[in-house]
Amino acid sequence: MNSKKIFNRLSQDYDKRVTGFKKSGKNLHIKYIINQILEQTKIPPVSILELGCGTGVNMSILQSFGLKTFGCDHATQMLYQAKNHEPASNYVCAQAEALPFAPNQFDLAFSIDMFQYVDNVDSIIMNMKEVTKDNGLCAILIPNTNSILRMIGRLGRFRGYSLGKEVSGTPMSEHTFSALLKRHFSKWKIYTSRPLPSFTPNVVWNLSKSKPLSRIIKSSFWSLSLLGFGWVEKHE
């Protein structure tokens, strides 16, 4: 799959195809995810790198926190959309396997819904660690292949993160994701404590707090995505 060529072609209507932000509430979900990432940092982040930044939607959210943001993507047309969407951020066209940044440049390096479209995941994580400062954080969000909500969504109008048959991606199970993080970080975890999206109706949240249902609701089986954290420790 020539993902660069395909993503360039999809750039004009990428946001609509992937999420339909205003209709599906995905933008609220991404805001919640970014908040969770920022809460896990050991030190208050100043400079942040997003790998696979696409059209720059996440850059807009990060800019609202007053952070210095850098976006990296291999599709030039995606970056063109990003510069129009959020011109205050810095953008670089490059492969995630060969980042053009100096070592120890960022407090946080993260990726949202990119890893299912790449092959060299170990190489990418090594590069993320290289450009992240000591005590910094690497965060990776991937679709949860076992999510019952995602399975139900395929039957209805909510299509989650699918771009159609031409960009299907390669699923990663929770077990494989855990093994990947364990290979590269001495301290890591996968976040699933609040798996339901932030736009879920309040009645569902109230049910999730009841003891009989809390364990079932909090199971990763319900989570649309898996959010993995790895803390960078370069003094070892």
Protein backbone atom coordinates (compact mmCIF):
# COMPACT_ATOMS: atom_id res chain seq x y z
CA MET A 1 0.00 0.00 0.00
CA ASN A 2 1.40 3.40 -1.04
CA SER A 3 0.00 5.20 1.99
CA LYS A 4 1.63 8.53 1.11
CA LYS A 5 -0.10 8.67 -2.26
CA ILE A 6 -3.45 7.59 -0.79
CA PHE A 7 -3.39 10.05 2.11
CA ASN A 8 -2.48 12.88 -0.25
CA ARG A 9 -5.51 12.03 -2.32
CA LEU A 10 -7.77 11.83 0.76
CA SER A 11 -6.56 15.11 2.25
CA GLN A 12 -9.41 17.31 0.94
CA ASP A 13 -12.16 15.47 2.83
CA TYR A 14 -10.10 13.49 5.32
CA ASP A 15 -11.70 14.90 8.49
CA LYS A 16 -15.20 14.29 7.20
CA ARG A 17 -14.42 10.75 6.09
CA VAL A 18 -12.71 9.75 9.31
CA THR A 19 -14.82 11.38 11.96
CA GLY A 20 -17.52 13.81 10.91
CA PHE A 21 -16.47 15.84 13.96
CA LYS A 22 -19.61 17.85 14.63
CA LYS A 23 -22.00 14.96 14.00
CA SER A 24 -20.25 12.12 15.79
CA GLY A 25 -18.74 14.00 18.73
CA LYS A 26 -15.28 12.64 17.88
CA ASN A 27 -13.73 16.06 18.47
CA LEU A 28 -14.86 15.88 22.10
CA HIS A 29 -13.40 12.40 22.35
CA ILE A 30 -10.02 13.59 21.02
CA LYS A 31 -10.02 16.51 23.48
CA TYR A 32 -10.56 14.02 26.28
CA ILE A 33 -7.71 11.81 24.99
CA ILE A 34 -5.31 14.76 24.79
CA ASN A 35 -6.23 15.77 28.33
CA GLN A 36 -5.41 12.24 29.50
CA ILE A 37 -2.04 12.38 27.73
CA LEU A 38 -1.13 15.73 29.29
CA GLU A 39 -2.10 14.48 32.76
CA GLN A 40 0.42 11.62 32.50
CA THR A 41 3.46 13.84 31.93
CA LYS A 42 6.00 13.96 34.78
CA ILE A 43 6.97 17.52 33.92
CA PRO A 44 4.68 20.22 32.47
CA PRO A 45 5.18 19.89 28.71
CA VAL A 46 6.27 22.92 26.70
CA SER A 47 7.24 21.46 23.33
CA ILE A 48 5.12 18.69 21.81
CA LEU A 49 5.51 16.56 18.69
CA GLU A 50 2.66 14.72 16.99
CA LEU A 51 3.59 11.97 14.53
CA GLY A 52 1.05 11.55 11.76
CA CYS A 53 -0.53 14.93 12.44
CA GLY A 54 -2.66 14.76 9.29
CA THR A 55 -4.79 17.85 8.79
CA GLY A 56 -3.71 19.44 12.09
CA VAL A 57 -6.95 19.08 14.04
CA ASN A 58 -5.11 17.95 17.15
CA MET A 59 -2.73 20.89 16.81
CA SER A 60 -5.66 23.25 17.32
CA ILE A 61 -6.56 21.55 20.58
CA LEU A 62 -2.97 21.68 21.83
CA GLN A 63 -2.63 25.32 20.85
CA SER A 64 -5.53 26.09 23.20
CA PHE A 65 -3.25 24.96 26.06
CA GLY A 66 -0.60 27.47 25.01
CA LEU A 67 1.94 24.79 24.02
CA LYS A 68 4.67 24.88 21.38
CA THR A 69 3.46 22.33 18.86
CA PHE A 70 5.18 20.48 16.03
CA GLY A 71 3.38 18.25 13.57
CA CYS A 72 5.02 15.64 11.37
CA ASP A 73 3.40 13.80 8.46
CA HIS A 74 4.65 12.11 5.29
CA ALA A 75 1.77 13.39 3.11
CA THR A 76 2.42 16.89 1.78
CA GLN A 77 -1.23 17.57 0.98
CA MET A 78 -2.21 16.68 4.54
CA LEU A 79 0.29 19.25 5.81
CA TYR A 80 -1.10 21.83 3.41
CA GLN A 81 -4.50 21.34 5.04
CA ALA A 82 -2.89 21.48 8.48
CA LYS A 83 -1.21 24.82 7.81
CA ASN A 84 -4.56 26.27 6.80
CA HIS A 85 -6.26 24.68 9.77
CA GLU A 86 -3.73 25.69 12.44
CA PRO A 87 -1.05 28.05 11.08
CA ALA A 88 0.44 28.74 14.52
CA SER A 89 1.97 25.25 14.70
CA ASN A 90 5.21 24.07 13.10
CA TYR A 91 4.98 21.37 10.42
CA VAL A 92 7.56 19.05 8.90
CA CYS A 93 7.11 16.61 6.04
CA ALA A 94 8.96 13.42 6.97
CA GLN A 95 8.62 9.71 7.58
CA ALA A 96 8.12 8.68 11.19
CA GLU A 97 10.99 6.21 10.71
CA ALA A 98 13.40 9.09 9.97
CA LEU A 99 12.54 12.12 12.08
CA PRO A 100 14.48 15.30 11.23
CA PHE A 101 14.68 16.54 14.82
CA ALA A 102 17.54 16.85 17.28
CA PRO A 103 17.72 14.41 20.21
CA ASN A 104 15.99 15.46 23.42
CA GLN A 105 13.98 18.19 21.72
CA PHE A 106 10.45 17.46 22.99
CA ASP A 107 8.77 16.99 26.35
CA LEU A 108 6.08 14.85 24.76
CA ALA A 109 5.86 12.85 21.54
CA PHE A 110 2.54 11.28 20.68
CA SER A 111 0.61 9.62 17.88
CA ILE A 112 -3.14 9.22 17.44
CA ASP A 113 -4.44 6.57 15.03
CA MET A 114 -1.23 6.26 13.03
CA PHE A 115 0.37 2.98 14.12
CA GLN A 116 -2.18 0.78 12.36
CA TYR A 117 -1.01 2.26 9.02
CA VAL A 118 2.75 1.70 9.44
CA ASP A 119 5.01 -1.36 9.34
CA ASN A 120 8.15 -0.44 11.29
CA VAL A 121 6.53 0.18 14.67
CA ASP A 122 9.67 -0.63 16.66
CA SER A 123 11.75 1.78 14.61
CA ILE A 124 9.18 4.53 15.06
CA ILE A 125 9.08 4.13 18.84
CA MET A 126 12.88 4.24 18.97
CA ASN A 127 12.77 7.53 17.05
CA MET A 128 10.07 8.88 19.35
CA LYS A 129 12.26 8.12 22.36
CA GLU A 130 15.31 9.66 20.69
CA VAL A 131 13.69 13.07 20.18
CA THR A 132 11.98 13.06 23.61
CA LYS A 133 13.73 14.45 26.67
CA ASP A 134 14.66 12.43 29.74
CA ASN A 135 11.55 12.03 31.95
CA GLY A 136 9.45 12.93 28.93
CA LEU A 137 6.49 10.93 27.69
CA CYS A 138 5.63 8.97 24.57
CA ALA A 139 1.94 8.30 24.00
CA ILE A 140 0.31 6.15 21.33
CA LEU A 141 -3.38 5.72 20.59
CA ILE A 142 -4.55 2.78 18.46
CA PRO A 143 -8.02 1.43 17.64
CA ASN A 144 -9.16 -1.36 19.97
CA THR A 145 -9.86 -4.31 17.69
CA ASN A 146 -11.89 -6.08 20.40
CA SER A 147 -14.21 -3.16 21.17
CA ILE A 148 -17.88 -4.10 21.22
CA LEU A 149 -18.72 -0.44 20.55
CA ARG A 150 -16.57 -0.49 17.43
CA MET A 151 -18.27 -3.68 16.26
CA ILE A 152 -21.69 -2.12 16.79
CA GLY A 153 -20.52 1.06 15.07
CA ARG A 154 -19.71 -0.85 11.90
CA LEU A 155 -23.38 -1.73 11.65
CA GLY A 156 -24.56 1.87 12.06
CA ARG A 157 -23.58 5.31 10.87
CA PHE A 158 -20.60 5.74 13.21
CA ARG A 159 -17.59 4.31 11.39
CA GLY A 160 -14.91 5.23 13.92
CA TYR A 161 -11.50 5.56 12.32
CA SER A 162 -12.09 3.67 9.06
CA LEU A 163 -11.02 5.26 5.80
CA GLY A 164 -12.54 2.55 3.67
CA LYS A 165 -11.03 -0.41 1.85
CA GLU A 166 -8.16 1.51 0.27
CA VAL A 167 -6.67 2.37 3.68
CA SER A 168 -7.68 -0.48 5.92
CA GLY A 169 -4.61 -0.56 8.14
CA THR A 170 -3.24 -3.47 10.16
CA PRO A 171 -5.03 -4.13 13.48
CA MET A 172 -2.99 -4.51 16.67
CA SER A 173 -4.37 -6.51 19.56
CA GLU A 174 -4.05 -5.37 23.17
CA HIS A 175 -1.60 -8.22 23.79
CA THR A 176 0.62 -7.16 20.86
CA PHE A 177 0.41 -3.51 21.92
CA SER A 178 1.46 -4.40 25.48
CA ALA A 179 4.42 -6.42 24.20
CA LEU A 180 5.48 -3.50 21.99
CA LEU A 181 5.48 -1.02 24.87
CA LYS A 182 7.26 -3.47 27.16
CA ARG A 183 10.09 -3.87 24.64
CA HIS A 184 10.85 -0.17 24.63
CA PHE A 185 9.94 1.22 28.05
CA SER A 186 10.79 0.12 31.58
CA LYS A 187 7.75 2.03 32.79
CA TRP A 188 4.63 1.83 30.65
CA LYS A 189 0.88 1.27 30.84
CA ILE A 190 -2.22 1.04 28.69
CA TYR A 191 -5.03 3.33 29.74
CA THR A 192 -8.55 1.91 29.77
CA SER A 193 -9.99 3.25 33.04
CA ARG A 194 -12.56 5.43 31.28
CA PRO A 195 -13.08 3.60 28.01
CA LEU A 196 -16.37 5.09 26.91
CA PRO A 197 -16.10 8.24 24.76
CA SER A 198 -16.66 11.58 26.48
CA PHE A 199 -19.82 12.26 24.47
CA THR A 200 -21.58 9.22 26.00
CA PRO A 201 -24.97 10.20 27.55
CA ASN A 202 -24.92 10.85 31.31
CA VAL A 203 -27.29 7.97 31.98
CA VAL A 204 -24.61 5.56 30.77
CA TRP A 205 -22.00 7.13 33.07
CA ASN A 206 -24.39 6.80 36.00
CA LEU A 207 -24.90 3.12 35.23
CA SER A 208 -21.15 2.61 34.92
CA LYS A 209 -20.67 3.80 38.52
CA SER A 210 -22.89 1.09 39.98
CA LYS A 211 -20.96 -1.81 41.53
CA PRO A 212 -22.60 -4.62 39.54
CA LEU A 213 -21.76 -2.98 36.21
CA SER A 214 -18.55 -1.09 36.97
CA ARG A 215 -16.19 -3.97 36.17
CA ILE A 216 -17.99 -4.75 32.93
CA ILE A 217 -18.16 -1.12 31.82
CA LYS A 218 -14.49 -0.49 32.65
CA SER A 219 -13.34 -3.52 30.70
CA SER A 220 -11.23 -2.73 27.63
CA PHE A 221 -13.84 -4.73 25.72
CA TRP A 222 -15.89 -1.51 25.65
CA SER A 223 -13.07 0.85 24.80
CA LEU A 224 -13.03 2.31 21.28
CA SER A 225 -9.28 2.83 21.55
CA LEU A 226 -6.24 1.77 23.54
CA LEU A 227 -4.01 4.56 24.83
CA GLY A 228 -0.47 3.46 25.63
CA PHE A 229 2.05 5.46 27.66
CA GLY A 230 5.82 5.02 27.87
CA TRP A 231 7.97 7.17 30.11
CA VAL A 232 11.42 7.97 28.73
CA GLU A 233 14.30 7.23 31.09
CA LYS A 234 17.61 8.00 29.41
CA HIS A 235 19.75 7.93 32.54
CA GLU A 236 19.62 4.12 32.69
